[in-house]
Amino acid sequence: MKEDPYPSATSIVTPPPLPEVTKTPWNGWWTLLWAVVIFFAWQFVVSIGILVAAFQRGLFNNMGNPEATDGDLLALALDGDIAGTVAFISIFFVCPLCWMVGKFRPNYTGWGYLGNNRVKWWQWPFWAAITIACYLLFGLLAPFLGIDGPDESMVTMANTTQFPILLFLGVAIGAPLVEEFMFRGALWRGWRASKLGLRGTLILTSFFWAILHVQYPLVIIAYIFCLGLILGLAREKTGNLWVPVWMHAVNNGIATFEMLRL
């Protein structure tokens, strides 16, 4: 039987499969450069916010006494309402910048770079419970480590806020979003795929995150470093940035409520 040289018009031709798209994050050095850019953009927003508040309160009218002006600026930085407002506003500058770090990378989406894997429902209470357990454990050990109560900077912010909701928005929502988008988001993806691997990325992101909190005693900075390791493990296990954001918000939310009770 001869083969029909004229196949019917209804014949379906299966196209060859498309080649897999290779996704390569920013390398370690580029990631470090992005870290510097994000950090200075963040601090620029914070500085502008404090300067705007200073102008509104007329602090620069006393330019003849620089020491007094510097002291007033420091007091503004620790004002609960101003600190909370500036931290919350930072979300709308830093988080989009972190998103663009991924978007600029070929074959990545912004969310895909930061980490948006599907997470099973039980992961949320599971990681929240771990966060609460760490917070309670540190609270039990703190008196033996020389920590008698909340840090002075936290007490100052709590005592100076007239609108507690602003402090809550900044500490429990603004700080977790900004810091996690940077450390467990934009920086995590690049360093995790570099020679640093998981161990190096955990240590480096936790270290840089911890030293941001230089206003605290060394014991609290050590706790923040350990918490950073746990946040990084959650990011690694789930592949989702929102899990460490959630954990960070739980930790800071508890701390904020304690601050406001003072």
Protein backbone atom coordinates (compact mmCIF):
# COMPACT_ATOMS: atom_id res chain seq x y z
CA MET A 1 0.00 0.00 0.00
CA LYS A 2 1.45 3.32 -1.07
CA GLU A 3 1.79 6.17 1.40
CA ASP A 4 -0.46 9.13 0.62
CA PRO A 5 1.89 11.92 -0.51
CA TYR A 6 -0.80 14.48 0.15
CA PRO A 7 -1.74 14.52 3.86
CA SER A 8 -5.18 15.88 4.66
CA ALA A 9 -5.56 19.47 5.78
CA THR A 10 -6.71 18.30 9.18
CA SER A 11 -3.38 16.66 10.00
CA ILE A 12 -1.88 18.05 13.21
CA VAL A 13 1.81 18.74 13.22
CA THR A 14 3.29 18.79 16.73
CA PRO A 15 5.90 21.56 17.02
CA PRO A 16 9.20 20.69 18.64
CA PRO A 17 9.44 21.55 22.35
CA LEU A 18 10.84 24.94 23.19
CA PRO A 19 14.27 24.96 24.82
CA GLU A 20 14.28 25.55 28.55
CA VAL A 21 14.95 29.12 29.56
CA THR A 22 18.11 29.50 31.60
CA LYS A 23 17.68 31.75 34.61
CA THR A 24 20.84 33.21 36.07
CA PRO A 25 20.58 35.59 39.05
CA TRP A 26 22.92 38.52 39.54
CA ASN A 27 26.33 37.24 40.58
CA GLY A 28 27.74 37.78 44.05
CA TRP A 29 29.51 41.06 43.33
CA TRP A 30 26.59 42.56 41.43
CA THR A 31 24.35 41.53 44.31
CA LEU A 32 26.66 43.33 46.73
CA LEU A 33 26.50 46.42 44.52
CA TRP A 34 22.71 46.24 44.52
CA ALA A 35 22.83 45.94 48.31
CA VAL A 36 24.75 49.22 48.51
CA VAL A 37 22.33 50.94 46.12
CA ILE A 38 19.26 49.73 48.02
CA PHE A 39 20.75 50.64 51.39
CA PHE A 40 21.65 54.20 50.39
CA ALA A 41 18.28 54.69 48.69
CA TRP A 42 16.62 53.54 51.91
CA GLN A 43 18.70 55.85 54.09
CA PHE A 44 18.08 58.73 51.69
CA VAL A 45 14.32 58.31 52.11
CA VAL A 46 14.70 58.13 55.90
CA SER A 47 16.92 61.24 55.95
CA ILE A 48 14.50 63.22 53.79
CA GLY A 49 11.65 62.26 56.10
CA ILE A 50 13.52 63.43 59.20
CA LEU A 51 14.61 66.66 57.50
CA VAL A 52 11.04 67.44 56.45
CA ALA A 53 9.90 66.92 60.05
CA ALA A 54 12.77 69.14 61.25
CA PHE A 55 11.75 71.98 58.91
CA GLN A 56 8.14 71.69 60.02
CA ARG A 57 9.21 72.05 63.64
CA GLY A 58 11.58 74.93 62.91
CA LEU A 59 14.69 73.17 64.16
CA PHE A 60 16.93 74.92 61.64
CA ASN A 61 16.01 78.33 62.98
CA ASN A 62 18.73 77.81 65.57
CA MET A 63 21.62 77.25 63.16
CA GLY A 64 23.94 79.24 65.41
CA ASN A 65 24.10 76.27 67.79
CA PRO A 66 25.02 73.18 65.68
CA GLU A 67 25.24 70.92 68.72
CA ALA A 68 21.68 71.73 69.72
CA THR A 69 20.51 71.14 66.15
CA ASP A 70 22.23 67.75 66.02
CA GLY A 71 20.65 66.77 69.32
CA ASP A 72 17.22 67.83 68.08
CA LEU A 73 17.65 65.76 64.90
CA LEU A 74 18.57 62.72 66.97
CA ALA A 75 15.49 63.28 69.10
CA LEU A 76 13.38 63.43 65.93
CA ALA A 77 14.83 60.14 64.73
CA LEU A 78 13.67 58.53 67.98
CA ASP A 79 10.28 60.21 68.01
CA GLY A 80 7.74 57.39 67.83
CA ASP A 81 5.39 59.10 65.38
CA ILE A 82 8.14 60.27 63.02
CA ALA A 83 10.09 57.01 63.15
CA GLY A 84 6.93 55.01 62.46
CA THR A 85 5.81 57.25 59.62
CA VAL A 86 9.20 57.27 57.91
CA ALA A 87 9.58 53.49 58.23
CA PHE A 88 6.15 52.94 56.71
CA ILE A 89 6.72 55.40 53.85
CA SER A 90 10.00 53.60 53.05
CA ILE A 91 7.93 50.64 51.84
CA PHE A 92 6.90 52.54 48.73
CA PHE A 93 10.49 53.25 47.71
CA VAL A 94 12.62 50.33 48.85
CA CYS A 95 10.29 47.43 48.03
CA PRO A 96 9.74 48.51 44.39
CA LEU A 97 13.50 48.96 44.03
CA CYS A 98 14.09 45.40 45.26
CA TRP A 99 11.42 44.19 42.84
CA MET A 100 13.15 45.97 39.97
CA VAL A 101 16.44 44.25 40.83
CA GLY A 102 14.77 41.01 39.78
CA LYS A 103 12.81 42.52 36.92
CA PHE A 104 15.99 43.86 35.32
CA ARG A 105 17.48 40.36 35.25
CA PRO A 106 16.75 38.49 31.99
CA ASN A 107 14.14 35.71 32.16
CA TYR A 108 13.04 36.69 35.68
CA THR A 109 9.96 38.46 36.89
CA GLY A 110 10.23 40.79 39.86
CA TRP A 111 8.25 38.48 42.15
CA GLY A 112 9.91 35.38 40.78
CA TYR A 113 13.32 36.76 41.67
CA LEU A 114 12.29 37.74 45.18
CA GLY A 115 10.61 34.37 45.80
CA ASN A 116 6.94 33.60 45.31
CA ASN A 117 6.67 29.80 45.44
CA ARG A 118 3.35 28.38 46.61
CA VAL A 119 3.23 27.69 50.34
CA LYS A 120 0.97 25.18 52.05
CA TRP A 121 -1.39 26.70 54.60
CA TRP A 122 0.20 25.01 57.61
CA GLN A 123 3.53 26.72 56.93
CA TRP A 124 2.19 30.07 58.12
CA PRO A 125 1.24 29.03 61.69
CA PHE A 126 4.26 26.71 61.83
CA TRP A 127 6.83 29.42 61.16
CA ALA A 128 4.91 31.93 63.28
CA ALA A 129 5.04 29.48 66.20
CA ILE A 130 8.81 29.13 65.76
CA THR A 131 9.17 32.92 65.79
CA ILE A 132 7.09 33.26 68.97
CA ALA A 133 9.06 30.47 70.63
CA CYS A 134 12.34 32.24 69.85
CA TYR A 135 10.97 35.52 71.20
CA LEU A 136 9.80 33.89 74.43
CA LEU A 137 13.08 31.99 74.84
CA PHE A 138 15.08 35.18 74.50
CA GLY A 139 12.75 36.86 76.99
CA LEU A 140 13.50 34.12 79.51
CA LEU A 141 17.25 34.28 78.94
CA ALA A 142 17.52 38.08 78.74
CA PRO A 143 17.82 38.72 82.54
CA PHE A 144 20.72 36.25 82.72
CA LEU A 145 22.40 38.02 79.80
CA GLY A 146 22.27 41.46 81.39
CA ILE A 147 19.10 42.71 79.67
CA ASP A 148 16.73 44.04 82.32
CA GLY A 149 14.05 45.39 80.00
CA PRO A 150 13.37 47.03 76.63
CA ASP A 151 16.18 49.04 75.09
CA GLU A 152 16.24 52.76 75.85
CA SER A 153 15.58 53.65 72.20
CA MET A 154 12.40 51.56 72.26
CA VAL A 155 11.28 53.22 75.48
CA THR A 156 11.89 56.65 73.96
CA MET A 157 9.81 55.87 70.87
CA ALA A 158 6.99 54.48 72.99
CA ASN A 159 6.98 57.55 75.27
CA THR A 160 7.06 60.08 72.44
CA THR A 161 4.34 58.66 70.21
CA GLN A 162 0.99 60.43 70.24
CA PHE A 163 -0.49 58.12 67.61
CA PRO A 164 0.45 54.52 68.48
CA ILE A 165 -0.92 53.29 65.16
CA LEU A 166 1.90 55.14 63.39
CA LEU A 167 4.51 53.39 65.50
CA PHE A 168 2.83 50.04 64.87
CA LEU A 169 2.66 50.61 61.11
CA GLY A 170 6.35 51.49 61.00
CA VAL A 171 7.78 48.83 63.30
CA ALA A 172 5.43 45.88 62.67
CA ILE A 173 4.74 46.42 58.96
CA GLY A 174 7.20 48.88 57.44
CA ALA A 175 10.40 47.43 58.88
CA PRO A 176 9.57 43.77 58.07
CA LEU A 177 8.65 44.57 54.47
CA VAL A 178 11.63 46.81 53.74
CA GLU A 179 14.23 44.65 55.47
CA GLU A 180 12.98 41.30 54.18
CA PHE A 181 12.61 42.52 50.59
CA MET A 182 16.24 43.55 50.80
CA PHE A 183 17.91 40.73 52.76
CA ARG A 184 15.78 37.63 52.15
CA GLY A 185 14.65 38.90 48.75
CA ALA A 186 17.01 40.74 46.42
CA LEU A 187 20.24 39.77 48.18
CA TRP A 188 19.20 36.21 48.95
CA ARG A 189 18.59 35.20 45.33
CA GLY A 190 21.95 36.39 44.06
CA TRP A 191 24.13 35.17 46.92
CA ARG A 192 22.32 31.83 47.22
CA ALA A 193 23.24 31.00 43.62
CA SER A 194 26.85 32.16 44.08
CA LYS A 195 29.81 30.35 45.61
CA LEU A 196 28.53 31.39 49.03
CA GLY A 197 25.83 28.73 48.85
CA LEU A 198 23.23 28.32 51.57
CA ARG A 199 25.60 28.52 54.55
CA GLY A 200 27.41 31.64 53.38
CA THR A 201 24.17 33.36 52.37
CA LEU A 202 22.57 32.62 55.74
CA ILE A 203 25.54 34.03 57.63
CA LEU A 204 26.09 37.07 55.42
CA THR A 205 22.47 38.23 55.21
CA SER A 206 21.96 37.66 58.95
CA PHE A 207 25.17 39.52 59.80
CA PHE A 208 24.38 42.57 57.67
CA TRP A 209 20.82 42.62 58.96
CA ALA A 210 22.00 42.42 62.57
CA ILE A 211 24.53 45.24 62.33
CA LEU A 212 21.83 47.55 61.02
CA HIS A 213 20.52 47.56 64.59
CA VAL A 214 23.64 49.09 66.12
CA GLN A 215 21.53 51.13 68.53
CA TYR A 216 20.90 47.98 70.57
CA PRO A 217 23.21 46.24 73.06
CA LEU A 218 25.42 43.47 71.73
CA VAL A 219 23.22 40.76 73.25
CA ILE A 220 20.17 41.98 71.34
CA ILE A 221 22.22 42.24 68.13
CA ALA A 222 23.25 38.61 68.66
CA TYR A 223 19.57 37.66 69.04
CA ILE A 224 18.75 39.51 65.80
CA PHE A 225 21.54 37.58 64.05
CA CYS A 226 20.13 34.25 65.26
CA LEU A 227 16.63 35.29 64.23
CA GLY A 228 18.04 36.18 60.81
CA LEU A 229 19.33 32.62 60.46
CA ILE A 230 15.84 31.29 61.17
CA LEU A 231 14.25 33.73 58.72
CA GLY A 232 16.75 32.61 56.10
CA LEU A 233 15.97 28.95 56.73
CA ALA A 234 12.27 29.71 56.29
CA ARG A 235 13.06 31.46 52.99
CA GLU A 236 15.11 28.47 51.87
CA LYS A 237 12.58 25.82 52.87
CA THR A 238 9.54 27.57 51.42
CA GLY A 239 11.04 29.46 48.49
CA ASN A 240 8.68 32.29 49.40
CA LEU A 241 9.71 35.76 50.57
CA TRP A 242 6.38 36.39 52.30
CA VAL A 243 7.06 33.73 54.93
CA PRO A 244 10.04 35.58 56.50
CA VAL A 245 8.10 38.84 56.09
CA TRP A 246 5.28 37.24 58.10
CA MET A 247 7.70 35.96 60.76
CA HIS A 248 9.43 39.33 61.02
CA ALA A 249 6.05 41.05 61.39
CA VAL A 250 5.04 38.64 64.17
CA ASN A 251 8.28 39.30 66.06
CA ASN A 252 8.05 43.09 65.67
CA GLY A 253 4.34 43.12 66.38
CA ILE A 254 4.89 41.50 69.78
CA ALA A 255 7.76 43.90 70.50
CA THR A 256 5.60 46.88 69.54
CA PHE A 257 2.80 45.86 71.86
CA GLU A 258 5.33 45.53 74.67
CA MET A 259 6.71 48.99 73.83
CA LEU A 260 3.27 50.56 73.94
CA ARG A 261 2.54 49.00 77.32
CA LEU A 262 5.45 50.86 78.92
